[in-house]
Amino acid sequence: MSETFLILTLICIVWGIVSMIAITSFLHKRGRKILFILINIMIFKYVHDYHQITTEENGKPGYWFYSFTIAMNLALLCAIIALVINYS
């Protein structure tokens, strides 16, 4: 059973990576400098910048903001469930 949640965790992580790539691509097209070497550290700043820009342009956050947030939260939840199942 924990294998199912582990697979779901990996799927959510891939979903989050795709969202992260889309967010950095969006910011790069808007002229923001993206530090690809430090992307794991800077991703939360990039997500915040994406949220601000899309809110200013459209009045609400863009699709990729929600996509990244949901993917990372689901990955965390599935990982915790897999650990609880595995160790109980």
Protein backbone atom coordinates (compact mmCIF):
# COMPACT_ATOMS: atom_id res chain seq x y z
CA MET A 1 0.00 0.00 0.00
CA SER A 2 2.85 2.39 0.77
CA GLU A 3 4.19 1.77 -2.76
CA THR A 4 1.03 3.35 -4.16
CA PHE A 5 1.60 6.51 -2.14
CA LEU A 6 5.27 6.52 -3.09
CA ILE A 7 4.32 6.41 -6.77
CA LEU A 8 1.77 9.19 -6.20
CA THR A 9 4.50 11.21 -4.48
CA LEU A 10 6.81 10.82 -7.47
CA ILE A 11 4.03 11.81 -9.87
CA CYS A 12 3.32 14.93 -7.83
CA ILE A 13 7.02 15.81 -7.78
CA VAL A 14 7.18 15.54 -11.58
CA TRP A 15 4.03 17.69 -11.79
CA GLY A 16 5.73 20.26 -9.54
CA ILE A 17 8.88 20.25 -11.69
CA VAL A 18 6.82 20.88 -14.82
CA SER A 19 5.07 23.76 -13.02
CA MET A 20 8.44 25.11 -11.88
CA ILE A 21 9.76 25.06 -15.45
CA ALA A 22 6.65 26.87 -16.70
CA ILE A 23 6.96 29.53 -13.98
CA THR A 24 10.64 30.18 -14.71
CA SER A 25 9.91 30.30 -18.45
CA PHE A 26 7.15 32.86 -17.83
CA LEU A 27 9.46 35.01 -15.71
CA HIS A 28 12.30 34.73 -18.21
CA LYS A 29 9.99 35.98 -20.99
CA ARG A 30 9.08 38.94 -18.76
CA GLY A 31 12.75 39.88 -18.43
CA ARG A 32 13.44 38.49 -14.96
CA LYS A 33 16.88 37.02 -14.44
CA ILE A 34 16.66 33.31 -13.56
CA LEU A 35 19.56 31.67 -11.75
CA PHE A 36 19.28 28.09 -12.99
CA ILE A 37 22.19 26.93 -10.84
CA LEU A 38 20.33 28.00 -7.69
CA ILE A 39 16.81 27.13 -8.86
CA ASN A 40 16.12 24.79 -5.92
CA ILE A 41 16.87 27.59 -3.48
CA MET A 42 15.25 30.41 -5.46
CA ILE A 43 12.07 28.66 -6.59
CA PHE A 44 9.96 30.13 -3.79
CA LYS A 45 11.06 33.64 -4.80
CA TYR A 46 10.19 32.83 -8.42
CA VAL A 47 6.77 31.51 -7.43
CA HIS A 48 6.18 34.68 -5.41
CA ASP A 49 7.27 36.86 -8.35
CA TYR A 50 4.99 34.88 -10.69
CA HIS A 51 2.11 35.37 -8.26
CA GLN A 52 2.71 39.13 -8.11
CA ILE A 53 3.05 39.59 -11.89
CA THR A 54 0.00 37.55 -12.81
CA THR A 55 -2.09 39.20 -10.10
CA GLU A 56 -1.14 42.64 -11.42
CA GLU A 57 -1.91 41.61 -15.01
CA ASN A 58 -5.10 39.58 -14.53
CA GLY A 59 -6.36 40.39 -11.06
CA LYS A 60 -5.75 36.83 -9.85
CA PRO A 61 -2.79 34.46 -9.63
CA GLY A 62 -1.91 32.45 -12.72
CA TYR A 63 -2.61 28.78 -13.32
CA TRP A 64 0.99 27.66 -12.66
CA PHE A 65 0.97 29.19 -9.18
CA TYR A 66 -1.88 26.93 -8.14
CA SER A 67 -0.42 24.00 -10.05
CA PHE A 68 2.92 24.25 -8.24
CA THR A 69 1.34 24.80 -4.82
CA ILE A 70 -1.08 21.88 -5.15
CA ALA A 71 1.58 19.54 -6.55
CA MET A 72 4.05 20.21 -3.73
CA ASN A 73 1.38 19.93 -1.02
CA LEU A 74 0.09 16.65 -2.46
CA ALA A 75 3.65 15.29 -2.73
CA LEU A 76 4.24 16.11 0.93
CA LEU A 77 0.93 14.57 1.98
CA CYS A 78 1.50 11.36 0.00
CA ALA A 79 5.03 11.03 1.34
CA ILE A 80 3.83 11.38 4.95
CA ILE A 81 1.05 8.83 4.36
CA ALA A 82 3.56 6.41 2.78
CA LEU A 83 5.88 6.78 5.78
CA VAL A 84 3.07 6.28 8.27
CA ILE A 85 1.86 3.16 6.47
CA ASN A 86 5.37 1.80 6.11
CA TYR A 87 6.33 2.28 9.77
CA SER A 88 3.08 1.25 11.43
